[in-house]
Amino acid sequence: MSDDPVGVVTRWEDAGGEWRVVARTAAGVTVALCRCDGGEEVDRFTSADPALVEFLARRG
């Protein structure tokens, strides 16, 4: 995975994909990367990066 989880999410979104938070724990947040045509999950990652946590908090 990239050292920039916010970049991963924004590039995925910019390419037309969807993402969703599937878990929040003390260890971090887990994000599912999904296809734009039906929401099938393609990948997921977990990160405790404070920038990602803040980014996701601002997004909803």
C-alpha atoms as a PDB file:
ATOM      1  CA  MET A   1       0.000   0.000   0.000  1.00  0.00           C
ATOM      2  CA  SER A   2       1.019   3.589  -0.589  1.00  0.00           C
ATOM      3  CA  ASP A   3       2.499   5.669   2.206  1.00  0.00           C
ATOM      4  CA  ASP A   4      -0.316   8.147   1.497  1.00  0.00           C
ATOM      5  CA  PRO A   5      -3.698   6.575   2.333  1.00  0.00           C
ATOM      6  CA  VAL A   6      -5.532   9.853   1.654  1.00  0.00           C
ATOM      7  CA  GLY A   7      -4.001   9.804  -1.818  1.00  0.00           C
ATOM      8  CA  VAL A   8      -5.182   6.234  -2.341  1.00  0.00           C
ATOM      9  CA  VAL A   9      -8.763   7.194  -1.493  1.00  0.00           C
ATOM     10  CA  THR A  10      -8.783  10.405  -3.531  1.00  0.00           C
ATOM     11  CA  ARG A  11      -7.201   8.764  -6.599  1.00  0.00           C
ATOM     12  CA  TRP A  12      -9.755   5.939  -6.384  1.00  0.00           C
ATOM     13  CA  GLU A  13     -12.576   8.473  -6.186  1.00  0.00           C
ATOM     14  CA  ASP A  14     -11.105  10.601  -8.999  1.00  0.00           C
ATOM     15  CA  ALA A  15     -11.037   7.490 -11.202  1.00  0.00           C
ATOM     16  CA  GLY A  16     -14.774   7.035 -10.619  1.00  0.00           C
ATOM     17  CA  GLY A  17     -14.623   4.389  -7.918  1.00  0.00           C
ATOM     18  CA  GLU A  18     -16.534   4.383  -4.684  1.00  0.00           C
ATOM     19  CA  TRP A  19     -15.161   3.831  -1.199  1.00  0.00           C
ATOM     20  CA  ARG A  20     -16.690   3.245   2.191  1.00  0.00           C
ATOM     21  CA  VAL A  21     -15.529   2.973   5.751  1.00  0.00           C
ATOM     22  CA  VAL A  22     -16.213  -0.590   6.907  1.00  0.00           C
ATOM     23  CA  ALA A  23     -14.646  -0.413  10.384  1.00  0.00           C
ATOM     24  CA  ARG A  24     -13.292   2.053  12.912  1.00  0.00           C
ATOM     25  CA  THR A  25     -11.258   0.687  15.803  1.00  0.00           C
ATOM     26  CA  ALA A  26      -8.542   1.871  18.149  1.00  0.00           C
ATOM     27  CA  ALA A  27      -6.074   0.403  15.634  1.00  0.00           C
ATOM     28  CA  GLY A  28      -7.336   2.581  12.796  1.00  0.00           C
ATOM     29  CA  VAL A  29      -9.921   2.758  10.081  1.00  0.00           C
ATOM     30  CA  THR A  30     -10.648   0.169   7.383  1.00  0.00           C
ATOM     31  CA  VAL A  31     -11.669   1.479   3.974  1.00  0.00           C
ATOM     32  CA  ALA A  32     -13.192  -0.652   1.211  1.00  0.00           C
ATOM     33  CA  LEU A  33     -12.451   0.380  -2.373  1.00  0.00           C
ATOM     34  CA  CYS A  34     -15.424  -0.487  -4.579  1.00  0.00           C
ATOM     35  CA  ARG A  35     -16.293  -0.460  -8.251  1.00  0.00           C
ATOM     36  CA  CYS A  36     -18.397   2.383  -9.588  1.00  0.00           C
ATOM     37  CA  ASP A  37     -20.816   0.036 -11.375  1.00  0.00           C
ATOM     38  CA  GLY A  38     -22.561  -1.740  -8.558  1.00  0.00           C
ATOM     39  CA  GLY A  39     -20.272  -1.291  -5.601  1.00  0.00           C
ATOM     40  CA  GLU A  40     -18.435  -4.631  -5.719  1.00  0.00           C
ATOM     41  CA  GLU A  41     -15.485  -4.490  -3.328  1.00  0.00           C
ATOM     42  CA  VAL A  42     -12.147  -4.653  -5.120  1.00  0.00           C
ATOM     43  CA  ASP A  43      -9.736  -4.034  -2.258  1.00  0.00           C
ATOM     44  CA  ARG A  44      -9.561  -2.793   1.313  1.00  0.00           C
ATOM     45  CA  PHE A  45      -6.935  -1.431   3.623  1.00  0.00           C
ATOM     46  CA  THR A  46      -6.557  -0.448   7.262  1.00  0.00           C
ATOM     47  CA  SER A  47      -4.620   2.589   8.374  1.00  0.00           C
ATOM     48  CA  ALA A  48      -4.086   4.553  11.560  1.00  0.00           C
ATOM     49  CA  ASP A  49      -2.724   7.548   9.647  1.00  0.00           C
ATOM     50  CA  PRO A  50      -4.093  10.675  11.387  1.00  0.00           C
ATOM     51  CA  ALA A  51      -4.455  12.465   8.040  1.00  0.00           C
ATOM     52  CA  LEU A  52      -6.746   9.705   6.753  1.00  0.00           C
ATOM     53  CA  VAL A  53      -8.822   9.698   9.940  1.00  0.00           C
ATOM     54  CA  GLU A  54      -9.239  13.488   9.658  1.00  0.00           C
ATOM     55  CA  PHE A  55     -10.025  13.305   5.913  1.00  0.00           C
ATOM     56  CA  LEU A  56     -12.739  10.702   6.489  1.00  0.00           C
ATOM     57  CA  ALA A  57     -14.201  12.684   9.400  1.00  0.00           C
ATOM     58  CA  ARG A  58     -14.570  15.730   7.134  1.00  0.00           C
ATOM     59  CA  ARG A  59     -16.225  13.632   4.418  1.00  0.00           C
ATOM     60  CA  GLY A  60     -19.034  12.428   6.544  1.00  0.00           C
END
